[in-house]
Amino acid sequence: MNNIKLVETVADISYIAGYKQHYSGNSRFDIAEFILWAKEFEKIHKDTDWYNEDYMLTIELYANEKIKQALADKSIFD
């Protein structure tokens, strides 16, 4: 996996999460979670041709789904 691409994916996910005001209350946990999400995204899309797919739409949909799951998981434990 290309480290530059992974860093870009982490940045994109972090930006989207910030825009959505997603914050667990523990920034270290959130950063670790965003890194895991980015690794998963890169694994899922390792063969995606980004010339034929809309990267920004895809990463936004992915991040929004992960945020929704994180909020659902949090509500289970509250």
PDB file of N, CA and C in Angstrom:
ATOM      1  N   MET A   1       0.856  -1.186   0.000  1.00  0.00           N
ATOM      2  CA  MET A   1       0.000   0.000   0.000  1.00  0.00           C
ATOM      3  C   MET A   1       0.893   1.236   0.000  1.00  0.00           C
ATOM      4  N   ASN A   2       0.550   2.174  -0.837  1.00  0.00           N
ATOM      5  CA  ASN A   2       1.293   3.410  -0.951  1.00  0.00           C
ATOM      6  C   ASN A   2       1.029   4.280   0.281  1.00  0.00           C
ATOM      7  N   ASN A   3       2.099   4.641   1.016  1.00  0.00           N
ATOM      8  CA  ASN A   3       1.928   5.432   2.242  1.00  0.00           C
ATOM      9  C   ASN A   3       1.368   6.816   1.966  1.00  0.00           C
ATOM     10  N   ILE A   4       1.766   7.422   0.840  1.00  0.00           N
ATOM     11  CA  ILE A   4       1.238   8.746   0.507  1.00  0.00           C
ATOM     12  C   ILE A   4      -0.276   8.665   0.300  1.00  0.00           C
ATOM     13  N   LYS A   5      -0.722   7.651  -0.410  1.00  0.00           N
ATOM     14  CA  LYS A   5      -2.161   7.482  -0.644  1.00  0.00           C
ATOM     15  C   LYS A   5      -2.896   7.245   0.671  1.00  0.00           C
ATOM     16  N   LEU A   6      -2.306   6.438   1.543  1.00  0.00           N
ATOM     17  CA  LEU A   6      -2.932   6.186   2.844  1.00  0.00           C
ATOM     18  C   LEU A   6      -3.045   7.479   3.656  1.00  0.00           C
ATOM     19  N   VAL A   7      -1.992   8.277   3.654  1.00  0.00           N
ATOM     20  CA  VAL A   7      -2.017   9.554   4.385  1.00  0.00           C
ATOM     21  C   VAL A   7      -3.088  10.475   3.809  1.00  0.00           C
ATOM     22  N   GLU A   8      -3.201  10.516   2.485  1.00  0.00           N
ATOM     23  CA  GLU A   8      -4.249  11.328   1.856  1.00  0.00           C
ATOM     24  C   GLU A   8      -5.636  10.835   2.260  1.00  0.00           C
ATOM     25  N   THR A   9      -5.805   9.528   2.323  1.00  0.00           N
ATOM     26  CA  THR A   9      -7.101   8.962   2.702  1.00  0.00           C
ATOM     27  C   THR A   9      -7.423   9.288   4.157  1.00  0.00           C
ATOM     28  N   VAL A  10      -6.434   9.193   5.035  1.00  0.00           N
ATOM     29  CA  VAL A  10      -6.638   9.574   6.445  1.00  0.00           C
ATOM     30  C   VAL A  10      -7.045  11.044   6.523  1.00  0.00           C
ATOM     31  N   ALA A  11      -6.362  11.893   5.760  1.00  0.00           N
ATOM     32  CA  ALA A  11      -6.689  13.319   5.762  1.00  0.00           C
ATOM     33  C   ALA A  11      -8.113  13.560   5.265  1.00  0.00           C
ATOM     34  N   ASP A  12      -8.502  12.884   4.196  1.00  0.00           N
ATOM     35  CA  ASP A  12      -9.860  13.051   3.664  1.00  0.00           C
ATOM     36  C   ASP A  12     -10.906  12.606   4.675  1.00  0.00           C
ATOM     37  N   ILE A  13     -10.702  11.467   5.292  1.00  0.00           N
ATOM     38  CA  ILE A  13     -11.648  10.960   6.291  1.00  0.00           C
ATOM     39  C   ILE A  13     -11.704  11.910   7.491  1.00  0.00           C
ATOM     40  N   SER A  14     -10.557  12.384   7.931  1.00  0.00           N
ATOM     41  CA  SER A  14     -10.511  13.320   9.065  1.00  0.00           C
ATOM     42  C   SER A  14     -11.244  14.611   8.741  1.00  0.00           C
ATOM     43  N   TYR A  15     -11.049  15.101   7.539  1.00  0.00           N
ATOM     44  CA  TYR A  15     -11.733  16.324   7.110  1.00  0.00           C
ATOM     45  C   TYR A  15     -13.248  16.123   7.118  1.00  0.00           C
ATOM     46  N   ILE A  16     -13.690  15.024   6.545  1.00  0.00           N
ATOM     47  CA  ILE A  16     -15.127  14.734   6.493  1.00  0.00           C
ATOM     48  C   ILE A  16     -15.693  14.591   7.905  1.00  0.00           C
ATOM     49  N   ALA A  17     -14.975  13.885   8.763  1.00  0.00           N
ATOM     50  CA  ALA A  17     -15.436  13.712  10.151  1.00  0.00           C
ATOM     51  C   ALA A  17     -15.501  15.063  10.868  1.00  0.00           C
ATOM     52  N   GLY A  18     -14.519  15.914  10.644  1.00  0.00           N
ATOM     53  CA  GLY A  18     -14.530  17.245  11.253  1.00  0.00           C
ATOM     54  C   GLY A  18     -15.695  18.076  10.740  1.00  0.00           C
ATOM     55  N   TYR A  19     -15.925  18.015   9.452  1.00  0.00           N
ATOM     56  CA  TYR A  19     -17.030  18.741   8.849  1.00  0.00           C
ATOM     57  C   TYR A  19     -18.365  18.277   9.438  1.00  0.00           C
ATOM     58  N   LYS A  20     -18.470  16.982   9.706  1.00  0.00           N
ATOM     59  CA  LYS A  20     -19.689  16.405  10.288  1.00  0.00           C
ATOM     60  C   LYS A  20     -19.726  16.547  11.815  1.00  0.00           C
ATOM     61  N   GLN A  21     -18.673  17.179  12.371  1.00  0.00           N
ATOM     62  CA  GLN A  21     -18.535  17.378  13.814  1.00  0.00           C
ATOM     63  C   GLN A  21     -18.564  16.062  14.584  1.00  0.00           C
ATOM     64  N   HIS A  22     -17.934  15.055  13.982  1.00  0.00           N
ATOM     65  CA  HIS A  22     -17.830  13.750  14.634  1.00  0.00           C
ATOM     66  C   HIS A  22     -16.640  13.781  15.589  1.00  0.00           C
ATOM     67  N   TYR A  23     -16.929  13.653  16.871  1.00  0.00           N
ATOM     68  CA  TYR A  23     -15.879  13.651  17.893  1.00  0.00           C
ATOM     69  C   TYR A  23     -16.344  12.777  19.038  1.00  0.00           C
ATOM     70  N   SER A  24     -15.555  11.775  19.365  1.00  0.00           N
ATOM     71  CA  SER A  24     -15.940  10.836  20.421  1.00  0.00           C
ATOM     72  C   SER A  24     -15.682  11.386  21.819  1.00  0.00           C
ATOM     73  N   GLY A  25     -14.872  12.438  21.890  1.00  0.00           N
ATOM     74  CA  GLY A  25     -14.436  12.942  23.189  1.00  0.00           C
ATOM     75  C   GLY A  25     -13.002  12.551  23.479  1.00  0.00           C
ATOM     76  N   ASN A  26     -12.431  11.693  22.635  1.00  0.00           N
ATOM     77  CA  ASN A  26     -11.055  11.216  22.796  1.00  0.00           C
ATOM     78  C   ASN A  26     -10.361  11.312  21.436  1.00  0.00           C
ATOM     79  N   SER A  27      -9.573  12.360  21.256  1.00  0.00           N
ATOM     80  CA  SER A  27      -8.962  12.596  19.941  1.00  0.00           C
ATOM     81  C   SER A  27      -8.002  11.485  19.538  1.00  0.00           C
ATOM     82  N   ARG A  28      -7.301  10.882  20.482  1.00  0.00           N
ATOM     83  CA  ARG A  28      -6.371   9.784  20.160  1.00  0.00           C
ATOM     84  C   ARG A  28      -7.157   8.584  19.628  1.00  0.00           C
ATOM     85  N   PHE A  29      -8.281   8.291  20.229  1.00  0.00           N
ATOM     86  CA  PHE A  29      -9.138   7.203  19.754  1.00  0.00           C
ATOM     87  C   PHE A  29      -9.648   7.510  18.347  1.00  0.00           C
ATOM     88  N   ASP A  30     -10.108   8.745  18.151  1.00  0.00           N
ATOM     89  CA  ASP A  30     -10.636   9.128  16.836  1.00  0.00           C
ATOM     90  C   ASP A  30      -9.569   9.000  15.754  1.00  0.00           C
ATOM     91  N   ILE A  31      -8.370   9.486  16.017  1.00  0.00           N
ATOM     92  CA  ILE A  31      -7.295   9.396  15.027  1.00  0.00           C
ATOM     93  C   ILE A  31      -6.976   7.942  14.708  1.00  0.00           C
ATOM     94  N   ALA A  32      -6.875   7.108  15.729  1.00  0.00           N
ATOM     95  CA  ALA A  32      -6.607   5.682  15.500  1.00  0.00           C
ATOM     96  C   ALA A  32      -7.726   5.058  14.673  1.00  0.00           C
ATOM     97  N   GLU A  33      -8.957   5.451  14.954  1.00  0.00           N
ATOM     98  CA  GLU A  33     -10.100   4.926  14.210  1.00  0.00           C
ATOM     99  C   GLU A  33     -10.054   5.388  12.749  1.00  0.00           C
ATOM    100  N   PHE A  34      -9.713   6.646  12.510  1.00  0.00           N
ATOM    101  CA  PHE A  34      -9.631   7.164  11.135  1.00  0.00           C
ATOM    102  C   PHE A  34      -8.537   6.443  10.353  1.00  0.00           C
ATOM    103  N   ILE A  35      -7.436   6.114  11.006  1.00  0.00           N
ATOM    104  CA  ILE A  35      -6.365   5.362  10.343  1.00  0.00           C
ATOM    105  C   ILE A  35      -6.857   3.973   9.953  1.00  0.00           C
ATOM    106  N   LEU A  36      -7.568   3.315  10.855  1.00  0.00           N
ATOM    107  CA  LEU A  36      -8.131   1.996  10.534  1.00  0.00           C
ATOM    108  C   LEU A  36      -9.131   2.084   9.387  1.00  0.00           C
ATOM    109  N   TRP A  37      -9.968   3.101   9.407  1.00  0.00           N
ATOM    110  CA  TRP A  37     -10.931   3.286   8.325  1.00  0.00           C
ATOM    111  C   TRP A  37     -10.210   3.491   7.003  1.00  0.00           C
ATOM    112  N   ALA A  38      -9.160   4.300   7.018  1.00  0.00           N
ATOM    113  CA  ALA A  38      -8.408   4.577   5.794  1.00  0.00           C
ATOM    114  C   ALA A  38      -7.754   3.308   5.254  1.00  0.00           C
ATOM    115  N   LYS A  39      -7.191   2.505   6.137  1.00  0.00           N
ATOM    116  CA  LYS A  39      -6.593   1.239   5.702  1.00  0.00           C
ATOM    117  C   LYS A  39      -7.651   0.334   5.082  1.00  0.00           C
ATOM    118  N   GLU A  40      -8.815   0.271   5.705  1.00  0.00           N
ATOM    119  CA  GLU A  40      -9.902  -0.547   5.176  1.00  0.00           C
ATOM    120  C   GLU A  40     -10.347  -0.014   3.810  1.00  0.00           C
ATOM    121  N   PHE A  41     -10.505   1.298   3.696  1.00  0.00           N
ATOM    122  CA  PHE A  41     -10.913   1.906   2.433  1.00  0.00           C
ATOM    123  C   PHE A  41      -9.913   1.574   1.326  1.00  0.00           C
ATOM    124  N   GLU A  42      -8.627   1.714   1.639  1.00  0.00           N
ATOM    125  CA  GLU A  42      -7.589   1.428   0.649  1.00  0.00           C
ATOM    126  C   GLU A  42      -7.600  -0.047   0.239  1.00  0.00           C
ATOM    127  N   LYS A  43      -7.858  -0.920   1.194  1.00  0.00           N
ATOM    128  CA  LYS A  43      -7.924  -2.352   0.880  1.00  0.00           C
ATOM    129  C   LYS A  43      -9.118  -2.648  -0.025  1.00  0.00           C
ATOM    130  N   ILE A  44     -10.263  -2.088   0.310  1.00  0.00           N
ATOM    131  CA  ILE A  44     -11.475  -2.292  -0.490  1.00  0.00           C
ATOM    132  C   ILE A  44     -11.271  -1.776  -1.912  1.00  0.00           C
ATOM    133  N   HIS A  45     -10.585  -0.658  -2.039  1.00  0.00           N
ATOM    134  CA  HIS A  45     -10.465   0.022  -3.330  1.00  0.00           C
ATOM    135  C   HIS A  45      -9.086  -0.115  -3.969  1.00  0.00           C
ATOM    136  N   LYS A  46      -8.358  -1.169  -3.601  1.00  0.00           N
ATOM    137  CA  LYS A  46      -6.999  -1.325  -4.134  1.00  0.00           C
ATOM    138  C   LYS A  46      -6.972  -1.445  -5.649  1.00  0.00           C
ATOM    139  N   ASP A  47      -8.036  -1.936  -6.242  1.00  0.00           N
ATOM    140  CA  ASP A  47      -8.082  -2.107  -7.696  1.00  0.00           C
ATOM    141  C   ASP A  47      -9.028  -1.125  -8.388  1.00  0.00           C
ATOM    142  N   THR A  48      -9.515  -0.144  -7.642  1.00  0.00           N
ATOM    143  CA  THR A  48     -10.442   0.819  -8.233  1.00  0.00           C
ATOM    144  C   THR A  48      -9.700   1.745  -9.187  1.00  0.00           C
ATOM    145  N   ASP A  49     -10.282   1.954 -10.331  1.00  0.00           N
ATOM    146  CA  ASP A  49      -9.735   2.879 -11.327  1.00  0.00           C
ATOM    147  C   ASP A  49     -10.350   4.254 -11.060  1.00  0.00           C
ATOM    148  N   TRP A  50      -9.593   5.121 -10.405  1.00  0.00           N
ATOM    149  CA  TRP A  50     -10.133   6.420 -10.009  1.00  0.00           C
ATOM    150  C   TRP A  50     -10.313   7.368 -11.196  1.00  0.00           C
ATOM    151  N   TYR A  51      -9.847   6.982 -12.368  1.00  0.00           N
ATOM    152  CA  TYR A  51     -10.138   7.767 -13.569  1.00  0.00           C
ATOM    153  C   TYR A  51     -11.578   7.530 -14.026  1.00  0.00           C
ATOM    154  N   ASN A  52     -12.143   6.392 -13.620  1.00  0.00           N
ATOM    155  CA  ASN A  52     -13.513   6.047 -14.001  1.00  0.00           C
ATOM    156  C   ASN A  52     -14.501   6.116 -12.837  1.00  0.00           C
ATOM    157  N   GLU A  53     -13.998   6.297 -11.638  1.00  0.00           N
ATOM    158  CA  GLU A  53     -14.843   6.398 -10.441  1.00  0.00           C
ATOM    159  C   GLU A  53     -14.596   7.744  -9.779  1.00  0.00           C
ATOM    160  N   ASP A  54     -15.616   8.282  -9.146  1.00  0.00           N
ATOM    161  CA  ASP A  54     -15.507   9.567  -8.452  1.00  0.00           C
ATOM    162  C   ASP A  54     -14.965   9.321  -7.038  1.00  0.00           C
ATOM    163  N   TYR A  55     -13.684   9.633  -6.857  1.00  0.00           N
ATOM    164  CA  TYR A  55     -13.026   9.375  -5.571  1.00  0.00           C
ATOM    165  C   TYR A  55     -13.713  10.138  -4.436  1.00  0.00           C
ATOM    166  N   MET A  56     -13.947  11.436  -4.633  1.00  0.00           N
ATOM    167  CA  MET A  56     -14.502  12.235  -3.535  1.00  0.00           C
ATOM    168  C   MET A  56     -15.880  11.738  -3.122  1.00  0.00           C
ATOM    169  N   LEU A  57     -16.714  11.395  -4.074  1.00  0.00           N
ATOM    170  CA  LEU A  57     -18.034  10.852  -3.733  1.00  0.00           C
ATOM    171  C   LEU A  57     -17.891   9.535  -2.985  1.00  0.00           C
ATOM    172  N   THR A  58     -16.985   8.690  -3.440  1.00  0.00           N
ATOM    173  CA  THR A  58     -16.787   7.380  -2.822  1.00  0.00           C
ATOM    174  C   THR A  58     -16.261   7.515  -1.398  1.00  0.00           C
ATOM    175  N   ILE A  59     -15.273   8.372  -1.178  1.00  0.00           N
ATOM    176  CA  ILE A  59     -14.705   8.526   0.173  1.00  0.00           C
ATOM    177  C   ILE A  59     -15.722   9.194   1.098  1.00  0.00           C
ATOM    178  N   GLU A  60     -16.511  10.130   0.577  1.00  0.00           N
ATOM    179  CA  GLU A  60     -17.547  10.761   1.402  1.00  0.00           C
ATOM    180  C   GLU A  60     -18.603   9.754   1.834  1.00  0.00           C
ATOM    181  N   LEU A  61     -19.076   8.934   0.896  1.00  0.00           N
ATOM    182  CA  LEU A  61     -20.064   7.917   1.245  1.00  0.00           C
ATOM    183  C   LEU A  61     -19.502   6.940   2.274  1.00  0.00           C
ATOM    184  N   TYR A  62     -18.260   6.523   2.066  1.00  0.00           N
ATOM    185  CA  TYR A  62     -17.613   5.582   2.977  1.00  0.00           C
ATOM    186  C   TYR A  62     -17.476   6.203   4.371  1.00  0.00           C
ATOM    187  N   ALA A  63     -16.925   7.409   4.447  1.00  0.00           N
ATOM    188  CA  ALA A  63     -16.717   8.056   5.752  1.00  0.00           C
ATOM    189  C   ALA A  63     -18.047   8.302   6.458  1.00  0.00           C
ATOM    190  N   ASN A  64     -19.048   8.742   5.730  1.00  0.00           N
ATOM    191  CA  ASN A  64     -20.360   8.979   6.344  1.00  0.00           C
ATOM    192  C   ASN A  64     -20.944   7.695   6.916  1.00  0.00           C
ATOM    193  N   GLU A  65     -20.770   6.588   6.201  1.00  0.00           N
ATOM    194  CA  GLU A  65     -21.266   5.300   6.703  1.00  0.00           C
ATOM    195  C   GLU A  65     -20.498   4.889   7.964  1.00  0.00           C
ATOM    196  N   LYS A  66     -19.184   5.074   7.964  1.00  0.00           N
ATOM    197  CA  LYS A  66     -18.383   4.704   9.139  1.00  0.00           C
ATOM    198  C   LYS A  66     -18.752   5.575  10.348  1.00  0.00           C
ATOM    199  N   ILE A  67     -19.001   6.847  10.118  1.00  0.00           N
ATOM    200  CA  ILE A  67     -19.417   7.749  11.204  1.00  0.00           C
ATOM    201  C   ILE A  67     -20.768   7.306  11.746  1.00  0.00           C
ATOM    202  N   LYS A  68     -21.683   6.984  10.844  1.00  0.00           N
ATOM    203  CA  LYS A  68     -23.011   6.508  11.261  1.00  0.00           C
ATOM    204  C   LYS A  68     -22.877   5.238  12.104  1.00  0.00           C
ATOM    205  N   GLN A  69     -22.022   4.304  11.678  1.00  0.00           N
ATOM    206  CA  GLN A  69     -21.799   3.080  12.448  1.00  0.00           C
ATOM    207  C   GLN A  69     -21.187   3.382  13.807  1.00  0.00           C
ATOM    208  N   ALA A  70     -20.222   4.303  13.836  1.00  0.00           N
ATOM    209  CA  ALA A  70     -19.576   4.660  15.100  1.00  0.00           C
ATOM    210  C   ALA A  70     -20.587   5.270  16.068  1.00  0.00           C
ATOM    211  N   LEU A  71     -21.471   6.105  15.585  1.00  0.00           N
ATOM    212  CA  LEU A  71     -22.484   6.703  16.436  1.00  0.00           C
ATOM    213  C   LEU A  71     -23.472   5.664  16.937  1.00  0.00           C
ATOM    214  N   ALA A  72     -23.825   4.712  16.083  1.00  0.00           N
ATOM    215  CA  ALA A  72     -24.732   3.628  16.497  1.00  0.00           C
ATOM    216  C   ALA A  72     -24.072   2.760  17.554  1.00  0.00           C
ATOM    217  N   ASP A  73     -22.793   2.444  17.342  1.00  0.00           N
ATOM    218  CA  ASP A  73     -22.059   1.636  18.329  1.00  0.00           C
ATOM    219  C   ASP A  73     -21.959   2.371  19.653  1.00  0.00           C
ATOM    220  N   LYS A  74     -21.739   3.685  19.609  1.00  0.00           N
ATOM    221  CA  LYS A  74     -21.623   4.470  20.829  1.00  0.00           C
ATOM    222  C   LYS A  74     -22.943   4.472  21.592  1.00  0.00           C
ATOM    223  N   SER A  75     -24.066   4.583  20.859  1.00  0.00           N
ATOM    224  CA  SER A  75     -25.363   4.636  21.533  1.00  0.00           C
ATOM    225  C   SER A  75     -25.696   3.304  22.209  1.00  0.00           C
ATOM    226  N   ILE A  76     -25.155   2.221  21.693  1.00  0.00           N
ATOM    227  CA  ILE A  76     -25.375   0.916  22.317  1.00  0.00           C
ATOM    228  C   ILE A  76     -24.745   0.882  23.718  1.00  0.00           C
ATOM    229  N   PHE A  77     -23.595   1.580  23.852  1.00  0.00           N
ATOM    230  CA  PHE A  77     -22.855   1.539  25.111  1.00  0.00           C
ATOM    231  C   PHE A  77     -23.237   2.664  26.063  1.00  0.00           C
ATOM    232  N   ASP A  78     -24.048   3.613  25.617  1.00  0.00           N
ATOM    233  CA  ASP A  78     -24.461   4.728  26.503  1.00  0.00           C
ATOM    234  C   ASP A  78     -25.637   4.332  27.368  1.00  0.00           C
TER     235      ASP A  78
END
